[in-house]
């Protein structure tokens, strides 16, 4: 079965994420606050909260930190209200970029995102200009290790996954419809599987390979966006050249 993921790109992003673990935890904490505000702090009745907790665990967020974030989000007192705003645009070589933000200041986030696009050799576009090039999918990344490919594939398909990809060297990639993600993830968790990543994300239909010069420009854009506290996720269809190091 075919897959859409480019794991070496994910690895590059993950390596950078590991170096900024505190910032990653802060972003996930903000997500927890938003889903608790909309659906409550009970994991049994709030499926979106379960999904964010799974994402937190995949990012190696400690259980006590997750619990504190949920309690804080459910606590009394004035809370910051965050709006979800999605920006779209182009990077160097026409790379398609989608930026998801959670912000309490729309003008600030718009200005910062626009600046990141410009400094990275791209330009911000209008809503819908690149999203048609992506599909929203649940994606679960599982380290191969000593796992049996056929066994994991059957687990995934029996749980309701759309696709299973074992072509990547180090990982299995399980793809689901967005509405099935939670059920598939929980079924695989109950089978004892652990995840390197587990989230609903925007997956590109095709990829654009960058040359080395444009890779440097685009990496600058990604770094600026990653450093922005308002930015939650960045999706793109760039494929860095073989041997490229950030």
Protein backbone atom coordinates (compact mmCIF):
# COMPACT_ATOMS: atom_id res chain seq x y z
CA UNK A 1 0.00 0.00 0.00
CA UNK A 2 1.27 3.45 -0.80
CA UNK A 3 1.74 6.33 1.61
CA UNK A 4 2.06 10.10 1.43
CA UNK A 5 4.69 10.75 4.08
CA UNK A 6 8.29 11.75 3.57
CA UNK A 7 9.87 10.53 6.78
CA UNK A 8 13.28 12.13 6.25
CA UNK A 9 11.53 15.50 6.16
CA UNK A 10 9.64 14.58 9.32
CA UNK A 11 12.91 13.51 10.92
CA UNK A 12 14.50 16.86 10.10
CA UNK A 13 11.57 18.66 11.65
CA UNK A 14 11.56 16.33 14.64
CA UNK A 15 15.27 16.85 15.30
CA UNK A 16 14.69 20.57 15.44
CA UNK A 17 11.66 20.01 17.66
CA UNK A 18 13.76 17.97 20.09
CA UNK A 19 16.06 20.97 20.49
CA UNK A 20 13.07 23.17 21.35
CA UNK A 21 11.14 20.77 23.55
CA UNK A 22 10.02 23.47 25.99
CA UNK A 23 8.46 25.49 23.16
CA UNK A 24 6.76 22.35 21.79
CA UNK A 25 5.25 21.65 25.22
CA UNK A 26 4.01 25.25 25.41
CA UNK A 27 2.27 24.91 22.04
CA UNK A 28 0.66 21.61 23.05
CA UNK A 29 -0.43 23.20 26.34
CA UNK A 30 -2.21 25.89 24.34
CA UNK A 31 -3.97 23.18 22.30
CA UNK A 32 -5.04 21.48 25.52
CA UNK A 33 -6.50 24.76 26.77
CA UNK A 34 -8.53 25.21 23.58
CA UNK A 35 -9.98 21.68 23.50
CA UNK A 36 -10.73 21.70 27.25
CA UNK A 37 -12.55 25.03 26.82
CA UNK A 38 -14.71 23.57 24.06
CA UNK A 39 -15.24 20.03 25.35
CA UNK A 40 -14.33 19.85 29.02
CA UNK A 41 -11.44 18.20 30.92
CA UNK A 42 -12.81 14.63 30.97
CA UNK A 43 -10.78 12.37 28.69
CA UNK A 44 -13.62 9.84 28.50
CA UNK A 45 -16.07 12.34 27.01
CA UNK A 46 -13.71 14.65 25.09
CA UNK A 47 -12.31 12.86 22.03
CA UNK A 48 -10.35 15.92 20.86
CA UNK A 49 -8.62 16.09 24.24
CA UNK A 50 -7.67 12.41 23.93
CA UNK A 51 -6.14 13.15 20.53
CA UNK A 52 -4.12 16.09 21.87
CA UNK A 53 -2.92 14.00 24.80
CA UNK A 54 -1.77 11.31 22.35
CA UNK A 55 0.10 14.00 20.41
CA UNK A 56 1.68 15.18 23.67
CA UNK A 57 2.82 11.67 24.58
CA UNK A 58 4.30 11.16 21.11
CA UNK A 59 6.30 14.35 21.72
CA UNK A 60 7.55 12.83 25.01
CA UNK A 61 5.64 15.32 27.14
CA UNK A 62 5.69 13.92 30.72
CA UNK A 63 2.39 12.63 32.08
CA UNK A 64 2.46 14.98 35.08
CA UNK A 65 2.99 17.95 32.73
CA UNK A 66 -0.02 16.84 30.66
CA UNK A 67 -2.14 16.44 33.80
CA UNK A 68 -1.14 19.89 35.06
CA UNK A 69 -1.99 21.44 31.69
CA UNK A 70 -5.48 19.87 31.76
CA UNK A 71 -6.10 20.97 35.35
CA UNK A 72 -4.90 24.48 34.57
CA UNK A 73 -7.16 24.65 31.51
CA UNK A 74 -10.14 23.47 33.58
CA UNK A 75 -9.42 25.80 36.51
CA UNK A 76 -11.37 28.83 37.55
CA UNK A 77 -10.40 32.38 36.70
CA UNK A 78 -9.88 34.44 33.60
CA UNK A 79 -8.39 32.60 30.64
CA UNK A 80 -6.86 33.82 27.41
CA UNK A 81 -9.09 33.27 24.39
CA UNK A 82 -7.31 31.96 21.32
CA UNK A 83 -8.56 32.16 17.74
CA UNK A 84 -7.45 29.60 15.18
CA UNK A 85 -6.28 31.37 12.03
CA UNK A 86 -4.79 29.60 9.01
CA UNK A 87 -2.46 31.35 6.59
CA UNK A 88 -1.40 30.06 3.17
CA UNK A 89 1.35 31.04 0.80
CA UNK A 90 4.42 30.08 -1.17
CA UNK A 91 8.04 29.48 -0.31
CA UNK A 92 11.01 29.51 -2.68
CA UNK A 93 10.56 27.40 -5.85
CA UNK A 94 6.80 27.78 -5.41
CA UNK A 95 6.66 25.46 -2.40
CA UNK A 96 3.15 25.35 -0.92
CA UNK A 97 2.93 26.33 2.76
CA UNK A 98 0.06 26.23 5.26
CA UNK A 99 0.54 27.85 8.68
CA UNK A 100 -1.91 27.15 11.52
CA UNK A 101 -1.94 29.59 14.43
CA UNK A 102 -3.68 29.93 17.78
CA UNK A 103 -3.51 33.59 18.70
CA UNK A 104 -4.93 36.22 21.03
CA UNK A 105 -3.74 38.99 18.69
CA UNK A 106 -4.63 38.57 15.01
CA UNK A 107 -2.64 41.60 13.85
CA UNK A 108 0.52 40.35 15.57
CA UNK A 109 0.30 36.85 14.16
CA UNK A 110 -0.51 38.07 10.64
CA UNK A 111 2.47 40.44 10.67
CA UNK A 112 4.87 37.83 12.02
CA UNK A 113 3.77 35.15 9.55
CA UNK A 114 3.99 37.56 6.63
CA UNK A 115 7.49 38.59 7.72
CA UNK A 116 8.61 34.93 7.93
CA UNK A 117 7.37 34.30 4.38
CA UNK A 118 9.18 37.37 3.06
CA UNK A 119 12.47 36.70 4.87
CA UNK A 120 12.37 33.09 3.66
CA UNK A 121 12.13 34.02 0.00
CA UNK A 122 8.39 33.46 -0.31
CA UNK A 123 5.14 35.38 -0.12
CA UNK A 124 1.90 34.99 1.78
CA UNK A 125 -1.15 34.35 -0.41
CA UNK A 126 -4.91 34.40 -0.06
CA UNK A 127 -7.02 31.83 1.75
CA UNK A 128 -7.36 28.70 -0.36
CA UNK A 129 -4.40 29.43 -2.63
CA UNK A 130 -2.56 26.21 -1.74
CA UNK A 131 -4.85 24.17 0.54
CA UNK A 132 -6.35 22.41 -2.48
CA UNK A 133 -2.94 20.73 -2.90
CA UNK A 134 -3.26 19.01 0.49
CA UNK A 135 -5.56 16.45 2.07
CA UNK A 136 -6.50 16.43 5.73
CA UNK A 137 -5.55 13.02 7.11
CA UNK A 138 -4.80 11.37 10.40
CA UNK A 139 -1.21 10.15 10.43
CA UNK A 140 0.40 7.78 12.92
CA UNK A 141 4.16 7.18 12.76
CA UNK A 142 5.42 3.94 14.34
CA UNK A 143 9.09 3.02 14.70
CA UNK A 144 9.72 -0.33 12.98
CA UNK A 145 12.22 -1.73 15.47
CA UNK A 146 11.50 -5.45 15.82
CA UNK A 147 7.82 -5.15 14.91
CA UNK A 148 6.38 -7.53 12.34
CA UNK A 149 5.23 -5.60 9.27
CA UNK A 150 2.31 -7.87 8.40
CA UNK A 151 1.08 -7.92 11.99
CA UNK A 152 1.16 -4.12 12.34
CA UNK A 153 -0.51 -3.70 8.93
CA UNK A 154 -3.37 -6.02 9.92
CA UNK A 155 -3.78 -4.20 13.24
CA UNK A 156 -4.01 -0.88 11.40
CA UNK A 157 -6.41 -2.03 8.70
CA UNK A 158 -8.61 -3.93 11.16
CA UNK A 159 -8.80 -0.74 13.23
CA UNK A 160 -10.11 1.19 10.23
CA UNK A 161 -6.99 2.78 8.72
CA UNK A 162 -7.16 3.96 5.11
CA UNK A 163 -3.57 3.19 4.24
CA UNK A 164 -0.42 1.53 5.55
CA UNK A 165 3.05 2.39 4.25
CA UNK A 166 6.14 0.35 5.10
CA UNK A 167 8.35 1.81 2.35
CA UNK A 168 10.19 4.20 4.64
CA UNK A 169 13.41 2.80 6.07
CA UNK A 170 12.79 3.32 9.78
CA UNK A 171 9.04 3.66 10.29
CA UNK A 172 5.56 2.48 9.43
CA UNK A 173 3.13 5.21 8.41
CA UNK A 174 -0.57 4.65 9.15
CA UNK A 175 -3.02 7.00 7.40
CA UNK A 176 -6.65 7.49 8.39
CA UNK A 177 -9.63 9.63 7.49
CA UNK A 178 -9.75 12.58 9.94
CA UNK A 179 -12.98 11.34 11.53
CA UNK A 180 -11.48 7.85 12.08
CA UNK A 181 -8.16 9.01 13.54
CA UNK A 182 -9.12 8.81 17.20
CA UNK A 183 -10.62 5.33 16.94
CA UNK A 184 -7.67 3.94 14.96
CA UNK A 185 -5.12 5.55 17.29
CA UNK A 186 -6.85 4.18 20.39
CA UNK A 187 -7.13 0.70 18.88
CA UNK A 188 -3.39 0.63 18.11
CA UNK A 189 -2.58 2.01 21.57
CA UNK A 190 -4.65 -0.79 23.10
CA UNK A 191 -2.52 -3.26 21.13
CA UNK A 192 0.53 -1.88 22.94
CA UNK A 193 1.98 0.16 20.07
CA UNK A 194 3.82 3.43 20.77
CA UNK A 195 3.99 6.35 18.36
CA UNK A 196 6.67 8.75 17.20
CA UNK A 197 3.93 11.04 15.92
CA UNK A 198 0.13 10.92 16.06
CA UNK A 199 -1.94 13.81 14.73
CA UNK A 200 -4.44 14.96 12.15
CA UNK A 201 -2.48 17.01 9.65
CA UNK A 202 -2.45 18.39 6.12
CA UNK A 203 -0.61 15.99 3.79
CA UNK A 204 0.46 17.21 0.33
CA UNK A 205 -0.60 15.35 -2.80
CA UNK A 206 2.78 16.03 -4.48
CA UNK A 207 6.19 17.28 -3.40
CA UNK A 208 8.52 19.96 -4.78
CA UNK A 209 12.26 19.21 -4.58
CA UNK A 210 14.37 22.21 -3.57
CA UNK A 211 17.92 22.97 -4.65
CA UNK A 212 20.49 23.76 -1.97
CA UNK A 213 20.12 27.54 -2.20
CA UNK A 214 16.34 27.43 -1.90
CA UNK A 215 16.66 24.85 0.89
CA UNK A 216 18.60 27.42 2.95
CA UNK A 217 15.97 30.10 2.27
CA UNK A 218 13.11 27.79 3.11
CA UNK A 219 14.77 26.53 6.28
CA UNK A 220 15.05 30.15 7.41
CA UNK A 221 11.29 30.53 6.88
CA UNK A 222 10.58 27.34 8.85
CA UNK A 223 12.87 28.45 11.70
CA UNK A 224 11.13 31.83 11.95
CA UNK A 225 7.71 30.18 11.99
CA UNK A 226 8.79 27.54 14.53
CA UNK A 227 10.05 30.30 16.83
CA UNK A 228 6.72 32.17 16.70
CA UNK A 229 4.65 31.46 19.81
CA UNK A 230 1.41 31.91 17.83
CA UNK A 231 2.30 29.25 15.25
CA UNK A 232 1.06 25.76 16.10
CA UNK A 233 1.73 23.81 12.90
CA UNK A 234 3.44 24.35 9.55
CA UNK A 235 2.62 22.07 6.61
CA UNK A 236 4.44 22.18 3.28
CA UNK A 237 5.23 20.13 0.21
CA UNK A 238 8.98 20.79 0.12
CA UNK A 239 11.39 17.93 -0.26
CA UNK A 240 14.95 18.77 0.69
CA UNK A 241 17.73 17.43 -1.56
CA UNK A 242 19.49 14.19 -0.64
CA UNK A 243 22.14 14.79 1.99
CA UNK A 244 20.78 18.21 2.92
CA UNK A 245 21.58 19.20 6.49
CA UNK A 246 19.90 22.07 8.25
